[in-house]
Protein backbone atom coordinates (compact mmCIF):
# COMPACT_ATOMS: atom_id res chain seq x y z
CA MET A 1 -50.04 7.54 -68.95
CA ALA A 2 -50.52 4.62 -66.57
CA GLU A 3 -50.14 5.37 -62.88
CA LYS A 4 -46.93 4.15 -61.27
CA ARG A 5 -47.15 0.89 -59.37
CA TYR A 6 -45.33 0.48 -56.08
CA ARG A 7 -43.45 -2.53 -54.75
CA VAL A 8 -44.39 -2.93 -51.08
CA GLY A 9 -42.99 -4.95 -48.22
CA ILE A 10 -44.38 -5.48 -44.74
CA LEU A 11 -42.19 -5.91 -41.67
CA GLY A 12 -44.17 -7.36 -38.78
CA CYS A 13 -47.17 -9.47 -39.78
CA GLY A 14 -49.47 -8.95 -36.82
CA GLY A 15 -52.97 -7.56 -36.36
CA ILE A 16 -52.38 -3.96 -37.41
CA ALA A 17 -50.41 -5.16 -40.45
CA ASN A 18 -53.54 -6.98 -41.64
CA ALA A 19 -55.46 -3.71 -41.59
CA HIS A 20 -52.73 -1.97 -43.58
CA ALA A 21 -52.38 -4.82 -46.08
CA ARG A 22 -56.09 -4.76 -46.88
CA THR A 23 -55.92 -0.98 -47.29
CA ILE A 24 -52.82 -1.06 -49.48
CA LEU A 25 -54.61 -3.34 -51.92
CA LYS A 26 -57.48 -0.85 -52.18
CA THR A 27 -55.22 1.63 -53.96
CA GLY A 28 -54.98 -0.70 -56.96
CA ARG A 29 -51.42 0.54 -57.46
CA THR A 30 -49.34 -1.78 -55.33
CA ASP A 31 -47.67 -5.17 -55.57
CA PHE A 32 -46.54 -6.97 -52.45
CA VAL A 33 -43.00 -8.23 -52.92
CA ALA A 34 -41.92 -9.20 -49.38
CA PHE A 35 -43.26 -10.14 -45.98
CA CYS A 36 -41.08 -10.44 -42.88
CA ASP A 37 -41.86 -11.69 -39.40
CA ILE A 38 -39.87 -13.51 -36.72
CA GLU A 39 -42.56 -16.21 -36.97
CA GLU A 40 -42.20 -17.52 -40.51
CA ALA A 41 -45.70 -18.99 -40.51
CA ARG A 42 -47.25 -15.56 -40.12
CA ALA A 43 -45.21 -14.15 -43.01
CA LYS A 44 -46.20 -17.12 -45.17
CA GLU A 45 -49.86 -16.59 -44.28
CA PHE A 46 -49.63 -12.95 -45.37
CA ASN A 47 -47.95 -14.02 -48.59
CA GLU A 48 -50.80 -16.38 -49.46
CA ARG A 49 -53.52 -14.01 -48.36
CA TYR A 50 -52.30 -10.77 -49.93
CA ALA A 51 -49.88 -11.80 -52.70
CA GLN A 52 -51.19 -15.20 -53.82
CA GLY A 53 -47.85 -16.67 -52.76
CA ASN A 54 -45.85 -14.53 -55.20
CA ALA A 55 -43.89 -12.45 -52.68
CA LYS A 56 -40.76 -13.47 -50.81
CA VAL A 57 -40.89 -14.46 -47.15
CA PHE A 58 -38.26 -13.57 -44.53
CA THR A 59 -37.63 -13.93 -40.83
CA ASP A 60 -34.66 -11.51 -40.98
CA TYR A 61 -35.47 -7.97 -42.12
CA ARG A 62 -31.82 -7.31 -42.90
CA LYS A 63 -31.89 -10.01 -45.58
CA MET A 64 -35.15 -8.57 -46.87
CA PHE A 65 -33.62 -5.15 -47.45
CA GLU A 66 -30.48 -6.73 -48.95
CA THR A 67 -32.21 -8.95 -51.48
CA VAL A 68 -35.58 -7.40 -52.42
CA GLU A 69 -36.12 -4.19 -54.37
CA MET A 70 -38.92 -2.25 -52.70
CA ASP A 71 -40.42 1.19 -53.06
CA ILE A 72 -42.19 1.26 -49.68
CA VAL A 73 -41.94 -0.74 -46.48
CA TYR A 74 -44.67 -0.82 -43.82
CA ILE A 75 -43.06 -1.26 -40.42
CA CYS A 76 -45.67 -2.70 -38.05
CA LEU A 77 -43.57 -3.79 -35.09
CA PRO A 78 -44.25 -3.60 -31.35
CA PRO A 79 -42.31 -0.59 -29.98
CA PHE A 80 -39.78 -2.61 -27.98
CA THR A 81 -38.51 -4.40 -31.12
CA HIS A 82 -37.40 -1.29 -33.03
CA SER A 83 -33.67 -1.23 -33.75
CA ASP A 84 -32.05 -0.29 -37.07
CA GLU A 85 -34.81 -1.23 -39.54
CA VAL A 86 -35.57 2.41 -40.43
CA GLU A 87 -31.91 3.18 -41.09
CA LEU A 88 -31.54 0.12 -43.33
CA ALA A 89 -34.70 0.95 -45.26
CA ALA A 90 -33.65 4.56 -45.74
CA LYS A 91 -30.15 3.61 -46.90
CA ALA A 92 -31.77 1.29 -49.46
CA GLY A 93 -33.86 4.21 -50.73
CA VAL A 94 -37.10 2.65 -49.48
CA HIS A 95 -39.89 5.00 -48.38
CA ILE A 96 -41.29 4.24 -44.95
CA PHE A 97 -44.64 3.87 -43.24
CA ILE A 98 -44.19 3.16 -39.53
CA GLU A 99 -46.70 2.54 -36.78
CA LYS A 100 -46.63 4.58 -33.60
CA PRO A 101 -44.85 4.94 -31.28
CA ILE A 102 -41.81 4.96 -33.52
CA ALA A 103 -39.55 4.03 -30.58
CA LEU A 104 -39.40 3.95 -26.79
CA ASP A 105 -36.55 6.43 -26.42
CA MET A 106 -35.49 9.64 -28.15
CA LYS A 107 -32.04 8.37 -29.11
CA THR A 108 -33.60 5.73 -31.38
CA ALA A 109 -36.25 8.16 -32.65
CA ASP A 110 -33.65 10.79 -33.52
CA ARG A 111 -31.66 8.21 -35.50
CA MET A 112 -34.79 7.42 -37.50
CA VAL A 113 -35.40 11.09 -38.28
CA LYS A 114 -31.78 11.58 -39.31
CA ALA A 115 -31.81 8.51 -41.58
CA CYS A 116 -34.91 9.68 -43.44
CA LYS A 117 -33.53 13.18 -43.93
CA GLU A 118 -30.05 12.13 -45.01
CA ASN A 119 -31.34 9.56 -47.50
CA LYS A 120 -34.21 11.76 -48.72
CA VAL A 121 -36.90 9.11 -48.30
CA LYS A 122 -40.52 9.94 -47.52
CA SER A 123 -42.01 8.76 -44.24
CA GLN A 124 -45.45 8.53 -42.70
CA VAL A 125 -46.15 7.76 -39.04
CA GLY A 126 -49.44 6.01 -38.32
CA PHE A 127 -51.28 8.84 -36.59
CA MET A 128 -54.34 8.28 -38.75
CA ASN A 129 -56.54 10.73 -36.84
CA ARG A 130 -54.65 13.63 -38.44
CA HIS A 131 -56.28 12.62 -41.73
CA GLY A 132 -59.87 12.82 -40.46
CA ASP A 133 -62.12 15.26 -42.30
CA ALA A 134 -63.22 17.01 -39.10
CA VAL A 135 -59.64 17.31 -37.85
CA GLN A 136 -58.40 18.57 -41.21
CA THR A 137 -61.20 21.16 -41.44
CA VAL A 138 -60.56 22.55 -37.96
CA LYS A 139 -56.80 22.56 -38.59
CA ARG A 140 -57.35 24.73 -41.70
CA MET A 141 -59.63 27.06 -39.73
CA ILE A 142 -56.95 27.52 -37.08
CA GLU A 143 -54.21 28.12 -39.64
CA SER A 144 -56.30 30.63 -41.62
CA GLY A 145 -57.30 32.55 -38.52
CA GLU A 146 -61.01 31.82 -38.97
CA ALA A 147 -61.16 29.88 -35.70
CA GLY A 148 -59.34 32.56 -33.75
CA GLN A 149 -56.91 31.87 -30.93
CA PRO A 150 -57.04 28.23 -29.74
CA GLY A 151 -57.54 28.13 -25.99
CA LEU A 152 -58.54 24.79 -24.50
CA LEU A 153 -58.59 21.14 -25.53
CA VAL A 154 -60.23 18.57 -23.27
CA ALA A 155 -59.80 14.95 -24.36
CA TRP A 156 -60.26 11.45 -23.01
CA TYR A 157 -59.30 7.94 -24.04
CA MET A 158 -61.14 5.06 -22.39
CA CYS A 159 -61.06 1.31 -22.95
CA ASN A 160 -61.00 -1.94 -20.99
CA SER A 161 -58.83 -4.72 -22.39
CA LEU A 162 -55.88 -6.81 -21.28
CA HIS A 163 -54.34 -6.42 -24.76
CA ALA A 164 -51.29 -8.51 -25.70
CA PRO A 165 -48.85 -9.68 -23.00
CA TRP A 166 -46.14 -7.32 -24.29
CA TRP A 167 -48.59 -4.40 -24.11
CA ARG A 168 -49.17 -4.92 -20.38
CA ASP A 169 -45.41 -4.75 -19.74
CA LYS A 170 -44.43 -1.08 -19.52
CA SER A 171 -40.83 -1.87 -20.40
CA LYS A 172 -42.00 -3.23 -23.76
CA SER A 173 -44.96 -1.00 -24.65
CA GLY A 174 -44.02 2.19 -22.87
CA GLY A 175 -47.33 2.08 -21.00
CA GLN A 176 -50.82 3.15 -22.01
CA ILE A 177 -49.87 6.80 -22.52
CA VAL A 178 -46.91 6.03 -24.77
CA GLU A 179 -48.41 3.17 -26.78
CA GLN A 180 -52.12 4.00 -26.96
CA ILE A 181 -53.16 7.44 -25.73
CA ILE A 182 -50.31 8.84 -27.84
CA HIS A 183 -52.95 9.21 -30.60
CA THR A 184 -54.74 11.80 -28.47
CA TYR A 185 -51.57 13.61 -27.49
CA ASP A 186 -50.68 13.80 -31.18
CA ILE A 187 -54.01 15.47 -32.00
CA ALA A 188 -53.33 18.00 -29.24
CA ARG A 189 -49.98 18.84 -30.85
CA PHE A 190 -51.49 18.89 -34.35
CA LEU A 191 -54.17 21.41 -33.39
CA LEU A 192 -52.50 23.47 -30.66
CA GLY A 193 -48.81 23.51 -31.60
CA GLU A 194 -45.72 22.71 -29.57
CA PRO A 195 -45.98 21.99 -25.83
CA VAL A 196 -43.74 23.78 -23.35
CA SER A 197 -44.61 21.99 -20.10
CA VAL A 198 -46.57 18.99 -18.82
CA PHE A 199 -47.74 17.60 -15.52
CA CYS A 200 -49.29 14.17 -15.09
CA HIS A 201 -50.79 11.92 -12.43
CA LEU A 202 -50.86 8.19 -13.26
CA ASP A 203 -51.31 4.87 -11.50
CA ASN A 204 -52.20 1.21 -11.90
CA LEU A 205 -55.43 0.86 -9.94
CA PHE A 206 -57.40 -1.85 -11.74
CA HIS A 207 -54.79 -4.44 -12.70
CA LYS A 208 -52.61 -4.83 -9.63
CA ASP A 209 -53.47 -8.51 -9.41
CA VAL A 210 -52.84 -9.24 -13.09
CA PRO A 211 -49.43 -10.93 -13.47
CA ASN A 212 -46.84 -8.83 -15.33
CA TYR A 213 -49.23 -5.90 -15.79
CA THR A 214 -46.97 -2.92 -15.10
CA SER A 215 -48.59 -0.29 -17.33
CA GLU A 216 -50.58 2.56 -15.83
CA ASP A 217 -54.35 2.19 -16.24
CA VAL A 218 -55.42 5.67 -15.13
CA SER A 219 -53.81 8.96 -16.06
CA ALA A 220 -54.62 12.66 -16.15
CA THR A 221 -52.36 15.26 -17.76
CA SER A 222 -52.21 19.03 -18.05
CA ILE A 223 -50.28 20.56 -20.96
CA ARG A 224 -49.24 24.14 -21.69
CA PHE A 225 -48.45 25.11 -25.30
CA SER A 226 -46.22 27.84 -26.67
CA SER A 227 -49.33 29.55 -28.10
CA GLY A 228 -50.69 29.95 -24.57
CA ALA A 229 -53.31 27.26 -25.11
CA VAL A 230 -53.81 24.53 -22.51
CA ALA A 231 -55.04 20.95 -22.72
CA THR A 232 -56.16 18.24 -20.35
CA ILE A 233 -55.98 14.62 -21.45
CA ALA A 234 -57.31 11.77 -19.32
CA GLY A 235 -57.12 8.06 -20.00
CA THR A 236 -58.00 4.72 -18.49
CA ASN A 237 -57.94 1.03 -19.27
CA GLY A 238 -60.74 0.35 -16.82
CA ALA A 239 -63.86 1.63 -18.57
CA ILE A 240 -66.38 -0.23 -20.76
CA PRO A 241 -65.15 -3.62 -22.07
CA GLY A 242 -65.18 -3.88 -25.84
CA LYS A 243 -65.36 -0.11 -26.39
CA TRP A 244 -62.59 2.29 -27.38
CA ILE A 245 -63.75 5.82 -26.61
CA ASN A 246 -61.51 8.59 -27.92
CA GLN A 247 -63.14 12.03 -28.01
CA TRP A 248 -62.08 15.68 -27.80
CA LYS A 249 -63.60 19.10 -27.20
CA LEU A 250 -61.81 22.20 -28.46
CA VAL A 251 -62.51 25.82 -27.57
CA THR A 252 -61.08 28.59 -29.75
CA GLN A 253 -61.78 32.30 -29.73
CA ASN A 254 -64.56 31.92 -32.32
CA PHE A 255 -65.70 28.29 -32.11
CA THR A 256 -66.45 25.48 -29.70
CA VAL A 257 -65.85 22.12 -31.38
CA ASP A 258 -67.15 18.77 -30.17
CA PHE A 259 -65.33 15.91 -31.94
CA THR A 260 -67.02 12.53 -31.72
CA ASP A 261 -64.08 11.18 -33.74
CA ALA A 262 -61.56 12.41 -36.30
CA ASN A 263 -64.16 12.49 -39.09
CA ASN A 264 -67.17 13.91 -37.28
CA ALA A 265 -67.66 17.07 -35.25
CA THR A 266 -70.16 19.75 -34.29
CA LEU A 267 -68.92 23.33 -34.38
CA VAL A 268 -70.72 26.18 -32.61
CA GLN A 269 -69.61 29.62 -33.80
CA THR A 270 -69.49 31.85 -30.74
CA ASN A 271 -68.34 35.22 -32.14
CA LEU A 272 -71.70 36.06 -33.73
CA PRO A 273 -74.74 37.82 -32.22
CA HIS A 274 -76.65 34.58 -32.80
CA LEU A 275 -74.90 31.26 -32.38
CA ARG A 276 -74.40 29.28 -35.59
CA THR A 277 -73.96 25.51 -35.58
CA LEU A 278 -71.98 23.68 -38.24
CA THR A 279 -71.60 19.93 -38.61
CA ILE A 280 -68.93 17.83 -40.27
CA ASN A 281 -69.98 14.28 -41.09
CA SER A 282 -67.67 11.87 -42.89
CA ASP A 283 -66.91 8.17 -43.21
CA LYS A 284 -63.45 8.70 -44.70
CA ASP A 285 -61.18 5.64 -44.55
CA LEU A 286 -58.32 6.95 -42.42
CA PHE A 287 -56.02 4.01 -43.15
CA LEU A 288 -56.48 4.53 -46.87
CA ALA A 289 -55.91 8.27 -46.44
CA GLU A 290 -52.55 7.59 -44.79
CA THR A 291 -51.38 5.44 -47.69
CA LEU A 292 -52.65 7.79 -50.40
CA ASP A 293 -50.95 10.70 -48.65
CA LEU A 294 -47.65 8.79 -48.66
CA LEU A 295 -47.99 7.97 -52.37
CA LYS A 296 -48.72 11.63 -53.12
CA ALA A 297 -45.62 12.75 -51.21
CA ILE A 298 -43.47 10.29 -53.15
CA GLU A 299 -44.88 11.40 -56.50
CA THR A 300 -44.73 15.15 -55.85
CA ASP A 301 -41.58 15.18 -53.71
CA GLY A 302 -43.77 16.76 -51.07
CA GLU A 303 -44.28 16.06 -47.39
CA THR A 304 -46.71 13.72 -45.68
CA VAL A 305 -49.19 14.80 -43.04
CA CYS A 306 -47.07 13.07 -40.39
CA PRO A 307 -43.41 12.54 -41.35
CA MET A 308 -40.92 10.81 -39.06
CA GLU A 309 -39.92 14.10 -37.43
CA GLU A 310 -43.52 14.64 -36.30
CA GLY A 311 -43.61 11.13 -34.88
CA ALA A 312 -40.47 11.93 -32.89
CA LYS A 313 -41.94 15.18 -31.53
CA THR A 314 -45.08 13.45 -30.30
CA LEU A 315 -42.95 10.68 -28.78
CA ARG A 316 -40.96 13.33 -26.93
CA LEU A 317 -44.21 14.72 -25.53
CA VAL A 318 -45.57 11.41 -24.23
CA LEU A 319 -42.21 10.40 -22.75
CA ALA A 320 -42.21 13.69 -20.82
CA VAL A 321 -45.78 13.04 -19.70
CA ARG A 322 -44.86 9.58 -18.45
CA GLU A 323 -41.79 10.91 -16.65
CA SER A 324 -43.92 13.54 -14.95
CA GLY A 325 -46.37 10.90 -13.81
CA GLU A 326 -43.57 8.72 -12.44
CA THR A 327 -41.65 11.52 -10.69
CA GLY A 328 -44.41 13.92 -9.68
CA GLN A 329 -42.52 16.78 -11.32
CA VAL A 330 -43.56 19.33 -13.94
CA MET A 331 -41.56 18.55 -17.07
CA SER A 332 -40.34 21.32 -19.35
CA LEU A 333 -40.23 20.80 -23.10
CA ALA A 334 -39.31 24.36 -24.03
């Protein structure tokens, strides 16, 4: 029997959407049927590039959902533009891939979660690091008990870029923690469980003279989890230009794990008379893994690695972190 083909639309035809469009085509099981962007020229460019001009082009996503039959929509919008697109997609029975952060407030995020549940559509939030082979291996070791009690995660995210104008504006991006370092906070949740309290220091030290730059560019956070584990996550947008450094070290009862990225890690087993070193090396395509995982969930009526509810929980964490940094108070998430 031939594999099912999926009709796909893209909402938001910017840089990250290009990466997803190229990946979607790699599956060999998709047909682009719609592209939507407030700038019609960008949607038309996507149509020519990825659908040979055979898809429909929109500047209004509401009309797209009303007039085009789709199986999956990829929502690749800046966080400040999210409104009711998830609800409309879900009501139309369209499965959803959405980039992080899914919103800038919990009221909007909770509506998204509710819409997906009530309409029984599958969802995947773009936390691609969850799909890494090293992350997946360590996650299984924690769940099976092989790793022992997780104790400490130390992580850092460092870059140096002005990014897009909307990104610099905290009211539109949420700030570096909410829009960018959220990937690292999500890995902390994925490996250590649910947080119960956070405390953060943050500031804008390097971009005070840059017009309209209101995001923090240094931050340091301490997190306590319900398991008893703790994490520290530091970030900056003032490090090495042209480099995006995102690394983590994890200590469990039986292992110390040094992640160079989501696919690659060195594990030292510490509960033996003689230390044993294990390595995980992989070049897995994380964007492709996200899409294949969504297709599998649709076909098996299963769950994705990161459904909308998980995206909302990680958003709740980073919003609490930001509030702590702005108020100087310990924030409870219990």
